[in-house]
Amino acid sequence: MILDLHTHSIKSDDGRAKVRNYCQWIRTRGIPIDGFVLTEHRQFDFDSDYSELARKHELVILKGAEVETEYGHVLVFGVTEGLYECFDFTRIGLRLEEVIEHCNAHNAIAAPCHPGRPRVGMSAHLEEHGVPKGVRIVEIHNGGSRADEDAVAAAMAEELGYLGIGGSDSHIVSHIGRCATEFPFPVHTEAELVEALRAEQFRAIPRAS
């Protein structure tokens, strides 16, 4: 199963894509993914129900979040009401190690995204803050990366022994599926996604040249 683990809809402050348009684009354009995760900025969308869209288009539509820490942006998978009460998702400058601790306590996963990007990527802050404790997975393929950002991310992951995932970081419909993550077995719920990531059985799919 192939999932795009990093997407944004109009629920994000800078997102311009409607979820139904993502679904239509994937099917009409034959994008080779089985579903996607909506990782809206600094929030978790408890209210939206995409189950009907998912059934109609035969896609998996899951939800996560993208939060901001002193090491840059971080994807969070497996958000529950309990985890959401542990820290302020809207806050800029969260402590990454605390986010990871809370995620571990609530069976969720925190994965720094686009870590090769200046300012908002983890690699840009290692010299100042050192290597954070608890990171196991980072995004090594990002559909919005420029120049050598993915190469920097991959080199950092190799040096520090991290596993890599991929996501498009799409904010507009036509960018979905640019990068993704492949799992050897079905993933249909947020809990199953966390289980698959913890099992460390996945492969990051780079952007096609």
N, C-alpha and C. Protein backbone atom coordinates (compact mmCIF):
# COMPACT_ATOMS: atom_id res chain seq x y z
N MET A 1 0.84 -1.19 0.00
CA MET A 1 0.00 0.00 0.00
C MET A 1 0.88 1.24 0.00
N ILE A 2 0.51 2.20 -0.83
CA ILE A 2 1.29 3.43 -0.94
C ILE A 2 0.46 4.62 -0.46
N LEU A 3 0.99 5.34 0.52
CA LEU A 3 0.31 6.50 1.08
C LEU A 3 1.19 7.73 1.00
N ASP A 4 0.58 8.84 0.66
CA ASP A 4 1.23 10.15 0.75
C ASP A 4 1.03 10.62 2.19
N LEU A 5 2.09 10.68 2.97
CA LEU A 5 1.98 10.94 4.40
C LEU A 5 2.01 12.42 4.79
N HIS A 6 2.01 13.33 3.81
CA HIS A 6 2.16 14.74 4.15
C HIS A 6 1.38 15.59 3.15
N THR A 7 0.15 15.95 3.49
CA THR A 7 -0.66 16.78 2.60
C THR A 7 -1.42 17.82 3.42
N HIS A 8 -1.84 18.87 2.73
CA HIS A 8 -2.60 19.96 3.37
C HIS A 8 -3.82 20.31 2.53
N SER A 9 -4.92 20.59 3.21
CA SER A 9 -6.14 21.01 2.53
C SER A 9 -6.41 22.47 2.88
N ILE A 10 -7.58 22.95 2.51
CA ILE A 10 -7.95 24.32 2.83
C ILE A 10 -8.10 24.53 4.33
N LYS A 11 -8.06 23.47 5.11
CA LYS A 11 -8.09 23.62 6.58
C LYS A 11 -6.80 24.25 7.08
N SER A 12 -5.69 24.08 6.33
CA SER A 12 -4.43 24.72 6.70
C SER A 12 -4.44 26.17 6.24
N ASP A 13 -3.70 27.02 6.94
CA ASP A 13 -3.74 28.45 6.63
C ASP A 13 -3.27 28.78 5.23
N ASP A 14 -2.36 27.96 4.67
CA ASP A 14 -1.87 28.23 3.33
C ASP A 14 -2.25 27.14 2.33
N GLY A 15 -3.18 26.28 2.71
CA GLY A 15 -3.64 25.23 1.80
C GLY A 15 -4.71 25.72 0.85
N ARG A 16 -4.64 25.26 -0.39
CA ARG A 16 -5.61 25.70 -1.40
C ARG A 16 -6.36 24.54 -2.03
N ALA A 17 -6.26 23.35 -1.45
CA ALA A 17 -6.87 22.17 -2.05
C ALA A 17 -8.03 21.66 -1.20
N LYS A 18 -9.11 21.33 -1.86
CA LYS A 18 -10.22 20.66 -1.19
C LYS A 18 -10.00 19.15 -1.26
N VAL A 19 -10.39 18.46 -0.21
CA VAL A 19 -10.13 17.03 -0.13
C VAL A 19 -10.80 16.28 -1.28
N ARG A 20 -12.00 16.66 -1.63
CA ARG A 20 -12.68 15.97 -2.74
C ARG A 20 -11.93 16.17 -4.05
N ASN A 21 -11.29 17.33 -4.21
CA ASN A 21 -10.51 17.57 -5.43
C ASN A 21 -9.23 16.75 -5.45
N TYR A 22 -8.64 16.52 -4.29
CA TYR A 22 -7.52 15.59 -4.22
C TYR A 22 -7.95 14.21 -4.74
N CYS A 23 -9.08 13.75 -4.23
CA CYS A 23 -9.58 12.43 -4.62
C CYS A 23 -9.83 12.35 -6.12
N GLN A 24 -10.47 13.36 -6.65
CA GLN A 24 -10.76 13.38 -8.09
C GLN A 24 -9.47 13.40 -8.90
N TRP A 25 -8.50 14.19 -8.48
CA TRP A 25 -7.23 14.28 -9.20
C TRP A 25 -6.50 12.94 -9.20
N ILE A 26 -6.46 12.31 -8.06
CA ILE A 26 -5.79 11.01 -7.95
C ILE A 26 -6.40 10.01 -8.93
N ARG A 27 -7.72 9.97 -8.99
CA ARG A 27 -8.38 8.99 -9.84
C ARG A 27 -8.35 9.35 -11.32
N THR A 28 -8.58 10.60 -11.65
CA THR A 28 -8.60 10.98 -13.07
C THR A 28 -7.20 10.99 -13.68
N ARG A 29 -6.19 11.29 -12.87
CA ARG A 29 -4.82 11.36 -13.37
C ARG A 29 -4.05 10.05 -13.15
N GLY A 30 -4.67 9.11 -12.48
CA GLY A 30 -4.00 7.84 -12.25
C GLY A 30 -2.77 7.96 -11.35
N ILE A 31 -2.84 8.82 -10.34
CA ILE A 31 -1.72 8.97 -9.42
C ILE A 31 -1.54 7.66 -8.65
N PRO A 32 -0.36 7.09 -8.64
CA PRO A 32 -0.16 5.75 -8.07
C PRO A 32 -0.04 5.73 -6.54
N ILE A 33 -1.08 6.20 -5.86
CA ILE A 33 -1.13 6.09 -4.42
C ILE A 33 -2.49 5.53 -4.03
N ASP A 34 -2.53 4.91 -2.85
CA ASP A 34 -3.77 4.31 -2.35
C ASP A 34 -4.49 5.21 -1.36
N GLY A 35 -3.86 6.30 -1.00
CA GLY A 35 -4.49 7.21 -0.06
C GLY A 35 -3.51 8.27 0.41
N PHE A 36 -3.95 9.07 1.37
CA PHE A 36 -3.12 10.17 1.84
C PHE A 36 -3.50 10.55 3.26
N VAL A 37 -2.58 11.25 3.92
CA VAL A 37 -2.79 11.72 5.29
C VAL A 37 -2.82 13.24 5.27
N LEU A 38 -3.87 13.81 5.82
CA LEU A 38 -4.01 15.26 5.91
C LEU A 38 -3.33 15.73 7.19
N THR A 39 -2.22 16.42 7.03
CA THR A 39 -1.42 16.87 8.17
C THR A 39 -1.52 18.40 8.26
N GLU A 40 -2.64 18.87 8.73
CA GLU A 40 -2.89 20.31 8.74
C GLU A 40 -1.96 21.02 9.71
N HIS A 41 -1.61 22.26 9.37
CA HIS A 41 -0.68 23.04 10.18
C HIS A 41 -1.26 23.40 11.54
N ARG A 42 -0.47 23.11 12.60
CA ARG A 42 -0.74 23.57 13.97
C ARG A 42 -2.16 23.28 14.46
N GLN A 43 -2.66 22.09 14.10
CA GLN A 43 -4.01 21.72 14.52
C GLN A 43 -4.24 20.25 14.23
N PHE A 44 -5.31 19.71 14.81
CA PHE A 44 -5.82 18.41 14.38
C PHE A 44 -7.30 18.58 14.13
N ASP A 45 -7.74 18.16 12.96
CA ASP A 45 -9.12 18.34 12.53
C ASP A 45 -9.99 17.18 13.03
N PHE A 46 -10.58 17.37 14.21
CA PHE A 46 -11.45 16.34 14.76
C PHE A 46 -12.81 16.31 14.08
N ASP A 47 -13.21 17.39 13.45
CA ASP A 47 -14.59 17.54 13.00
C ASP A 47 -14.89 16.92 11.64
N SER A 48 -13.97 17.00 10.71
CA SER A 48 -14.26 16.56 9.34
C SER A 48 -14.34 15.04 9.23
N ASP A 49 -15.34 14.58 8.49
CA ASP A 49 -15.52 13.15 8.25
C ASP A 49 -15.39 12.90 6.74
N TYR A 50 -14.31 12.22 6.35
CA TYR A 50 -14.05 11.98 4.94
C TYR A 50 -14.36 10.54 4.53
N SER A 51 -15.10 9.82 5.37
CA SER A 51 -15.35 8.40 5.11
C SER A 51 -16.16 8.19 3.83
N GLU A 52 -17.12 9.05 3.56
CA GLU A 52 -17.92 8.91 2.34
C GLU A 52 -17.08 9.15 1.09
N LEU A 53 -16.23 10.19 1.14
CA LEU A 53 -15.31 10.45 0.02
C LEU A 53 -14.36 9.28 -0.19
N ALA A 54 -13.88 8.74 0.91
CA ALA A 54 -12.95 7.61 0.82
C ALA A 54 -13.61 6.41 0.16
N ARG A 55 -14.84 6.13 0.55
CA ARG A 55 -15.56 4.99 -0.06
C ARG A 55 -15.84 5.25 -1.54
N LYS A 56 -16.27 6.44 -1.86
CA LYS A 56 -16.62 6.76 -3.24
C LYS A 56 -15.43 6.61 -4.17
N HIS A 57 -14.27 7.04 -3.73
CA HIS A 57 -13.08 7.03 -4.60
C HIS A 57 -12.15 5.85 -4.31
N GLU A 58 -12.57 5.00 -3.36
CA GLU A 58 -11.77 3.83 -3.00
C GLU A 58 -10.34 4.25 -2.62
N LEU A 59 -10.28 5.21 -1.71
CA LEU A 59 -9.00 5.71 -1.21
C LEU A 59 -9.01 5.70 0.31
N VAL A 60 -7.85 5.63 0.89
CA VAL A 60 -7.69 5.78 2.33
C VAL A 60 -7.40 7.25 2.63
N ILE A 61 -8.20 7.86 3.48
CA ILE A 61 -8.00 9.26 3.87
C ILE A 61 -7.84 9.31 5.38
N LEU A 62 -6.65 9.60 5.83
CA LEU A 62 -6.36 9.66 7.25
C LEU A 62 -6.00 11.09 7.66
N LYS A 63 -5.92 11.31 8.95
CA LYS A 63 -5.62 12.64 9.45
C LYS A 63 -4.45 12.60 10.44
N GLY A 64 -3.62 13.63 10.38
CA GLY A 64 -2.52 13.81 11.30
C GLY A 64 -2.39 15.30 11.58
N ALA A 65 -1.18 15.74 11.86
CA ALA A 65 -0.94 17.16 12.13
C ALA A 65 0.50 17.49 11.78
N GLU A 66 0.75 18.78 11.60
CA GLU A 66 2.11 19.28 11.46
C GLU A 66 2.29 20.39 12.48
N VAL A 67 3.20 20.16 13.42
CA VAL A 67 3.43 21.14 14.47
C VAL A 67 4.81 21.76 14.30
N GLU A 68 5.07 22.82 15.07
CA GLU A 68 6.32 23.56 14.93
C GLU A 68 7.12 23.51 16.23
N THR A 69 8.39 23.10 16.11
CA THR A 69 9.25 22.96 17.28
C THR A 69 10.53 23.78 17.09
N GLU A 70 11.38 23.74 18.10
CA GLU A 70 12.65 24.46 17.99
C GLU A 70 13.57 23.82 16.96
N TYR A 71 13.23 22.59 16.53
CA TYR A 71 14.00 21.91 15.48
C TYR A 71 13.31 22.02 14.12
N GLY A 72 12.25 22.80 14.03
CA GLY A 72 11.53 22.91 12.77
C GLY A 72 10.21 22.16 12.82
N HIS A 73 9.67 21.88 11.64
CA HIS A 73 8.33 21.30 11.55
C HIS A 73 8.37 19.80 11.75
N VAL A 74 7.29 19.28 12.35
CA VAL A 74 7.22 17.87 12.72
C VAL A 74 5.83 17.32 12.43
N LEU A 75 5.77 16.18 11.73
CA LEU A 75 4.51 15.51 11.48
C LEU A 75 4.15 14.67 12.70
N VAL A 76 2.86 14.64 13.03
CA VAL A 76 2.38 13.82 14.13
C VAL A 76 1.29 12.90 13.61
N PHE A 77 1.49 11.60 13.78
CA PHE A 77 0.52 10.59 13.34
C PHE A 77 -0.05 9.88 14.57
N GLY A 78 -1.36 9.62 14.54
CA GLY A 78 -2.01 8.94 15.65
C GLY A 78 -2.52 9.88 16.72
N VAL A 79 -2.93 11.07 16.31
CA VAL A 79 -3.43 12.06 17.27
C VAL A 79 -4.75 11.60 17.87
N THR A 80 -4.84 11.67 19.19
CA THR A 80 -6.08 11.37 19.91
C THR A 80 -6.45 12.60 20.75
N GLU A 81 -7.65 12.56 21.32
CA GLU A 81 -8.05 13.67 22.18
C GLU A 81 -7.11 13.80 23.37
N GLY A 82 -6.65 12.66 23.89
CA GLY A 82 -5.73 12.69 25.01
C GLY A 82 -4.42 13.35 24.66
N LEU A 83 -3.87 13.02 23.50
CA LEU A 83 -2.62 13.64 23.06
C LEU A 83 -2.83 15.12 22.79
N TYR A 84 -3.96 15.47 22.21
CA TYR A 84 -4.23 16.86 21.85
C TYR A 84 -4.26 17.76 23.09
N GLU A 85 -4.58 17.17 24.24
CA GLU A 85 -4.64 17.95 25.48
C GLU A 85 -3.27 18.09 26.15
N CYS A 86 -2.28 17.36 25.64
CA CYS A 86 -0.96 17.35 26.28
C CYS A 86 -0.12 18.60 25.98
N PHE A 87 -0.30 19.15 24.79
CA PHE A 87 0.44 20.36 24.45
C PHE A 87 -0.37 21.17 23.45
N ASP A 88 0.00 22.43 23.31
CA ASP A 88 -0.74 23.36 22.45
C ASP A 88 -0.26 23.21 21.00
N PHE A 89 -1.06 22.54 20.19
CA PHE A 89 -0.70 22.32 18.79
C PHE A 89 -0.52 23.62 18.03
N THR A 90 -1.15 24.69 18.47
CA THR A 90 -1.09 25.96 17.75
C THR A 90 0.19 26.74 18.06
N ARG A 91 0.91 26.32 19.07
CA ARG A 91 2.09 27.07 19.52
C ARG A 91 3.28 26.88 18.59
N ILE A 92 3.99 27.95 18.33
CA ILE A 92 5.24 27.90 17.58
C ILE A 92 6.40 27.81 18.57
N GLY A 93 7.30 26.87 18.35
CA GLY A 93 8.43 26.73 19.25
C GLY A 93 8.24 25.69 20.33
N LEU A 94 7.42 24.67 20.05
CA LEU A 94 7.29 23.56 20.98
C LEU A 94 8.64 22.86 21.15
N ARG A 95 8.85 22.20 22.26
CA ARG A 95 10.07 21.43 22.46
C ARG A 95 9.90 20.05 21.84
N LEU A 96 10.75 19.73 20.89
CA LEU A 96 10.61 18.48 20.15
C LEU A 96 10.65 17.26 21.07
N GLU A 97 11.58 17.24 22.02
CA GLU A 97 11.68 16.08 22.89
C GLU A 97 10.42 15.89 23.73
N GLU A 98 9.77 16.97 24.11
CA GLU A 98 8.51 16.86 24.85
C GLU A 98 7.40 16.35 23.95
N VAL A 99 7.36 16.82 22.71
CA VAL A 99 6.37 16.33 21.76
C VAL A 99 6.54 14.82 21.57
N ILE A 100 7.78 14.37 21.42
CA ILE A 100 8.04 12.95 21.24
C ILE A 100 7.62 12.16 22.47
N GLU A 101 7.93 12.66 23.65
CA GLU A 101 7.54 11.98 24.89
C GLU A 101 6.03 11.83 24.99
N HIS A 102 5.30 12.90 24.68
CA HIS A 102 3.84 12.84 24.72
C HIS A 102 3.32 11.85 23.68
N CYS A 103 3.91 11.86 22.50
CA CYS A 103 3.48 10.94 21.45
C CYS A 103 3.71 9.50 21.88
N ASN A 104 4.86 9.22 22.44
CA ASN A 104 5.15 7.86 22.90
C ASN A 104 4.16 7.41 23.97
N ALA A 105 3.78 8.33 24.84
CA ALA A 105 2.85 7.99 25.92
C ALA A 105 1.45 7.73 25.41
N HIS A 106 1.12 8.27 24.23
CA HIS A 106 -0.23 8.12 23.68
C HIS A 106 -0.23 7.30 22.39
N ASN A 107 0.79 6.49 22.19
CA ASN A 107 0.90 5.62 21.03
C ASN A 107 0.76 6.39 19.72
N ALA A 108 1.48 7.47 19.63
CA ALA A 108 1.52 8.27 18.40
C ALA A 108 2.97 8.34 17.94
N ILE A 109 3.17 8.91 16.76
CA ILE A 109 4.51 9.02 16.17
C ILE A 109 4.78 10.48 15.81
N ALA A 110 5.96 10.96 16.16
CA ALA A 110 6.40 12.30 15.75
C ALA A 110 7.58 12.14 14.81
N ALA A 111 7.47 12.72 13.62
CA ALA A 111 8.51 12.58 12.59
C ALA A 111 8.85 13.95 12.00
N PRO A 112 10.04 14.47 12.26
CA PRO A 112 10.43 15.75 11.64
C PRO A 112 10.31 15.69 10.12
N CYS A 113 9.72 16.73 9.54
CA CYS A 113 9.50 16.74 8.09
C CYS A 113 10.43 17.75 7.42
N HIS A 114 10.62 17.55 6.13
CA HIS A 114 11.57 18.32 5.32
C HIS A 114 12.77 18.79 6.15
N PRO A 115 13.49 17.84 6.77
CA PRO A 115 14.57 18.21 7.68
C PRO A 115 15.78 18.84 7.00
N GLY A 116 15.84 18.79 5.68
CA GLY A 116 16.94 19.43 4.97
C GLY A 116 16.66 20.86 4.58
N ARG A 117 15.52 21.37 4.96
CA ARG A 117 15.11 22.73 4.56
C ARG A 117 15.67 23.77 5.53
N PRO A 118 16.14 24.88 5.01
CA PRO A 118 16.61 25.96 5.89
C PRO A 118 15.49 26.46 6.81
N ARG A 119 15.86 26.83 8.01
CA ARG A 119 14.99 27.44 9.01
C ARG A 119 13.93 26.49 9.58
N VAL A 120 13.15 25.82 8.74
CA VAL A 120 12.05 24.99 9.25
C VAL A 120 12.37 23.51 9.20
N GLY A 121 13.63 23.16 8.93
CA GLY A 121 14.05 21.77 8.90
C GLY A 121 15.00 21.44 10.04
N MET A 122 14.96 20.21 10.49
CA MET A 122 15.73 19.79 11.66
C MET A 122 17.24 19.99 11.51
N SER A 123 17.77 19.71 10.31
CA SER A 123 19.22 19.77 10.13
C SER A 123 19.76 21.18 10.37
N ALA A 124 18.93 22.19 10.16
CA ALA A 124 19.36 23.57 10.33
C ALA A 124 19.57 23.95 11.79
N HIS A 125 19.11 23.09 12.72
CA HIS A 125 19.15 23.44 14.13
C HIS A 125 20.02 22.49 14.96
N LEU A 126 20.64 21.53 14.32
CA LEU A 126 21.45 20.56 15.06
C LEU A 126 22.67 21.21 15.71
N GLU A 127 23.29 22.13 15.00
CA GLU A 127 24.49 22.78 15.56
C GLU A 127 24.15 23.57 16.81
N GLU A 128 23.01 24.22 16.79
CA GLU A 128 22.62 25.05 17.94
C GLU A 128 22.11 24.21 19.11
N HIS A 129 21.25 23.22 18.81
CA HIS A 129 20.56 22.49 19.86
C HIS A 129 21.10 21.08 20.12
N GLY A 130 21.96 20.58 19.23
CA GLY A 130 22.41 19.21 19.38
C GLY A 130 21.42 18.22 18.81
N VAL A 131 21.74 16.94 18.90
CA VAL A 131 20.86 15.88 18.38
C VAL A 131 19.78 15.59 19.41
N PRO A 132 18.50 15.72 19.03
CA PRO A 132 17.42 15.50 20.00
C PRO A 132 17.25 14.02 20.32
N LYS A 133 16.76 13.75 21.52
CA LYS A 133 16.49 12.38 21.93
C LYS A 133 15.13 11.93 21.41
N GLY A 134 15.07 10.67 21.02
CA GLY A 134 13.78 10.07 20.70
C GLY A 134 13.36 10.05 19.25
N VAL A 135 14.08 10.76 18.38
CA VAL A 135 13.72 10.74 16.96
C VAL A 135 14.08 9.39 16.37
N ARG A 136 13.15 8.80 15.64
CA ARG A 136 13.42 7.53 14.97
C ARG A 136 13.15 7.61 13.48
N ILE A 137 12.18 8.45 13.10
CA ILE A 137 11.75 8.55 11.71
C ILE A 137 11.77 10.01 11.28
N VAL A 138 12.28 10.29 10.09
CA VAL A 138 12.22 11.62 9.51
C VAL A 138 11.77 11.51 8.06
N GLU A 139 11.27 12.61 7.53
CA GLU A 139 10.86 12.65 6.13
C GLU A 139 12.08 12.94 5.26
N ILE A 140 12.46 11.97 4.43
CA ILE A 140 13.64 12.16 3.58
C ILE A 140 13.27 12.54 2.15
N HIS A 141 12.02 12.32 1.76
CA HIS A 141 11.57 12.73 0.42
C HIS A 141 10.34 13.61 0.58
N ASN A 142 10.46 14.85 0.14
CA ASN A 142 9.38 15.83 0.27
C ASN A 142 9.12 16.44 -1.10
N GLY A 143 7.86 16.41 -1.53
CA GLY A 143 7.51 16.88 -2.86
C GLY A 143 7.71 18.36 -3.08
N GLY A 144 7.89 19.13 -2.00
CA GLY A 144 8.11 20.56 -2.14
C GLY A 144 9.56 20.97 -1.98
N SER A 145 10.44 19.99 -1.87
CA SER A 145 11.85 20.31 -1.66
C SER A 145 12.48 21.00 -2.87
N ARG A 146 13.46 21.84 -2.59
CA ARG A 146 14.20 22.52 -3.63
C ARG A 146 15.67 22.12 -3.55
N ALA A 147 16.37 22.32 -4.65
CA ALA A 147 17.83 22.10 -4.71
C ALA A 147 18.21 20.79 -4.05
N ASP A 148 19.07 20.87 -3.04
CA ASP A 148 19.60 19.65 -2.43
C ASP A 148 18.95 19.35 -1.08
N GLU A 149 17.76 19.88 -0.81
CA GLU A 149 17.15 19.71 0.50
C GLU A 149 16.92 18.23 0.85
N ASP A 150 16.45 17.44 -0.11
CA ASP A 150 16.24 16.02 0.17
C ASP A 150 17.57 15.29 0.36
N ALA A 151 18.58 15.70 -0.36
CA ALA A 151 19.90 15.09 -0.20
C ALA A 151 20.44 15.37 1.20
N VAL A 152 20.23 16.58 1.68
CA VAL A 152 20.65 16.94 3.04
C VAL A 152 19.88 16.10 4.05
N ALA A 153 18.58 15.93 3.82
CA ALA A 153 17.75 15.14 4.72
C ALA A 153 18.21 13.69 4.75
N ALA A 154 18.47 13.12 3.57
CA ALA A 154 18.90 11.72 3.48
C ALA A 154 20.26 11.53 4.16
N ALA A 155 21.17 12.47 3.97
CA ALA A 155 22.50 12.38 4.59
C ALA A 155 22.39 12.45 6.11
N MET A 156 21.54 13.34 6.60
CA MET A 156 21.33 13.45 8.04
C MET A 156 20.75 12.16 8.59
N ALA A 157 19.76 11.60 7.89
CA ALA A 157 19.13 10.36 8.34
C ALA A 157 20.13 9.22 8.39
N GLU A 158 20.98 9.13 7.38
CA GLU A 158 21.98 8.07 7.36
C GLU A 158 22.99 8.24 8.50
N GLU A 159 23.44 9.46 8.70
CA GLU A 159 24.44 9.73 9.74
C GLU A 159 23.91 9.42 11.13
N LEU A 160 22.62 9.75 11.36
CA LEU A 160 22.05 9.60 12.70
C LEU A 160 21.26 8.30 12.87
N GLY A 161 21.18 7.50 11.81
CA GLY A 161 20.51 6.21 11.90
C GLY A 161 19.00 6.28 11.92
N TYR A 162 18.44 7.28 11.24
CA TYR A 162 16.99 7.42 11.21
C TYR A 162 16.39 6.66 10.02
N LEU A 163 15.14 6.26 10.17
CA LEU A 163 14.38 5.70 9.07
C LEU A 163 13.73 6.85 8.30
N GLY A 164 13.42 6.60 7.01
CA GLY A 164 12.89 7.68 6.18
C GLY A 164 11.51 7.41 5.62
N ILE A 165 10.68 8.44 5.62
CA ILE A 165 9.37 8.39 4.98
C ILE A 165 9.30 9.44 3.88
N GLY A 166 8.24 9.38 3.07
CA GLY A 166 8.06 10.35 2.00
C GLY A 166 6.66 10.91 1.97
N GLY A 167 6.54 12.17 1.58
CA GLY A 167 5.24 12.81 1.45
C GLY A 167 5.34 13.99 0.50
N SER A 168 4.24 14.34 -0.12
CA SER A 168 4.27 15.39 -1.14
C SER A 168 4.37 16.79 -0.55
N ASP A 169 3.86 16.98 0.71
CA ASP A 169 3.75 18.33 1.27
C ASP A 169 2.88 19.18 0.36
N SER A 170 1.88 18.55 -0.24
CA SER A 170 1.04 19.26 -1.21
C SER A 170 0.14 20.29 -0.52
N HIS A 171 0.07 21.45 -1.15
CA HIS A 171 -0.85 22.51 -0.74
C HIS A 171 -1.84 22.81 -1.86
N ILE A 172 -1.54 22.30 -3.05
CA ILE A 172 -2.45 22.42 -4.18
C ILE A 172 -2.69 21.03 -4.76
N VAL A 173 -3.80 20.87 -5.43
CA VAL A 173 -4.26 19.56 -5.87
C VAL A 173 -3.23 18.82 -6.72
N SER A 174 -2.61 19.52 -7.65
CA SER A 174 -1.74 18.86 -8.62
C SER A 174 -0.43 18.34 -8.04
N HIS A 175 -0.15 18.65 -6.79
CA HIS A 175 1.11 18.21 -6.18
C HIS A 175 0.98 16.92 -5.39
N ILE A 176 -0.24 16.45 -5.16
CA ILE A 176 -0.40 15.26 -4.33
C ILE A 176 0.25 14.05 -4.98
N GLY A 177 0.88 13.23 -4.15
CA GLY A 177 1.52 12.01 -4.64
C GLY A 177 2.90 12.21 -5.21
N ARG A 178 3.46 13.42 -5.14
CA ARG A 178 4.81 13.65 -5.68
C ARG A 178 5.84 12.78 -4.98
N CYS A 179 5.67 12.59 -3.69
CA CYS A 179 6.48 11.64 -2.92
C CYS A 179 5.51 10.87 -2.03
N ALA A 180 5.91 9.70 -1.59
CA ALA A 180 5.00 8.88 -0.79
C ALA A 180 5.78 7.86 0.01
N THR A 181 5.04 6.99 0.70
CA THR A 181 5.64 5.93 1.51
C THR A 181 4.92 4.63 1.22
N GLU A 182 5.69 3.58 1.00
CA GLU A 182 5.12 2.27 0.66
C GLU A 182 5.18 1.34 1.87
N PHE A 183 4.06 0.69 2.16
CA PHE A 183 3.97 -0.28 3.24
C PHE A 183 3.69 -1.66 2.64
N PRO A 184 4.20 -2.74 3.24
CA PRO A 184 4.01 -4.07 2.68
C PRO A 184 2.67 -4.71 3.02
N PHE A 185 1.84 -3.98 3.76
CA PHE A 185 0.53 -4.52 4.15
C PHE A 185 -0.47 -3.37 4.23
N PRO A 186 -1.77 -3.67 4.26
CA PRO A 186 -2.79 -2.61 4.26
C PRO A 186 -2.74 -1.72 5.48
N VAL A 187 -3.01 -0.44 5.26
CA VAL A 187 -3.12 0.56 6.34
C VAL A 187 -4.40 1.33 6.08
N HIS A 188 -5.38 1.18 6.97
CA HIS A 188 -6.68 1.81 6.73
C HIS A 188 -7.11 2.77 7.83
N THR A 189 -6.39 2.81 8.94
CA THR A 189 -6.75 3.70 10.05
C THR A 189 -5.50 4.39 10.58
N GLU A 190 -5.71 5.45 11.36
CA GLU A 190 -4.57 6.12 11.98
C GLU A 190 -3.81 5.17 12.91
N ALA A 191 -4.55 4.31 13.62
CA ALA A 191 -3.89 3.36 14.52
C ALA A 191 -3.04 2.37 13.74
N GLU A 192 -3.54 1.92 12.61
CA GLU A 192 -2.77 1.00 11.78
C GLU A 192 -1.54 1.69 11.20
N LEU A 193 -1.66 2.98 10.89
CA LEU A 193 -0.51 3.72 10.38
C LEU A 193 0.58 3.79 11.45
N VAL A 194 0.20 4.11 12.66
CA VAL A 194 1.18 4.15 13.75
C VAL A 194 1.83 2.79 13.94
N GLU A 195 1.01 1.73 13.90
CA GLU A 195 1.54 0.38 14.06
C GLU A 195 2.55 0.06 12.96
N ALA A 196 2.22 0.44 11.73
CA ALA A 196 3.12 0.17 10.60
C ALA A 196 4.42 0.94 10.73
N LEU A 197 4.34 2.18 11.18
CA LEU A 197 5.55 2.97 11.35
C LEU A 197 6.40 2.43 12.50
N ARG A 198 5.76 2.01 13.57
CA ARG A 198 6.51 1.44 14.68
C ARG A 198 7.16 0.11 14.29
N ALA A 199 6.52 -0.62 13.38
CA ALA A 199 7.08 -1.90 12.93
C ALA A 199 8.29 -1.69 12.02
N GLU A 200 8.48 -0.45 11.58
CA GLU A 200 9.64 -0.08 10.75
C GLU A 200 9.67 -0.85 9.44
N GLN A 201 8.48 -1.11 8.91
CA GLN A 201 8.38 -1.80 7.64
C GLN A 201 7.75 -0.86 6.61
N PHE A 202 8.57 -0.04 6.00
CA PHE A 202 8.10 0.91 5.01
C PHE A 202 9.27 1.38 4.18
N ARG A 203 8.95 2.02 3.08
CA ARG A 203 9.99 2.53 2.17
C ARG A 203 9.56 3.88 1.63
N ALA A 204 10.44 4.86 1.73
CA ALA A 204 10.14 6.18 1.20
C ALA A 204 10.29 6.18 -0.32
N ILE A 205 9.30 6.75 -1.00
CA ILE A 205 9.31 6.80 -2.46
C ILE A 205 9.65 8.22 -2.90
N PRO A 206 10.76 8.40 -3.61
CA PRO A 206 11.17 9.75 -4.03
C PRO A 206 10.31 10.28 -5.16
N ARG A 207 10.44 11.57 -5.39
CA ARG A 207 9.73 12.21 -6.49
C ARG A 207 10.27 11.69 -7.81
N ALA A 208 9.36 11.35 -8.71
CA ALA A 208 9.78 10.87 -10.04
C ALA A 208 10.49 11.97 -10.78
N SER A 209 11.55 11.61 -11.47
CA SER A 209 12.33 12.62 -12.21
C SER A 209 11.64 13.00 -13.50
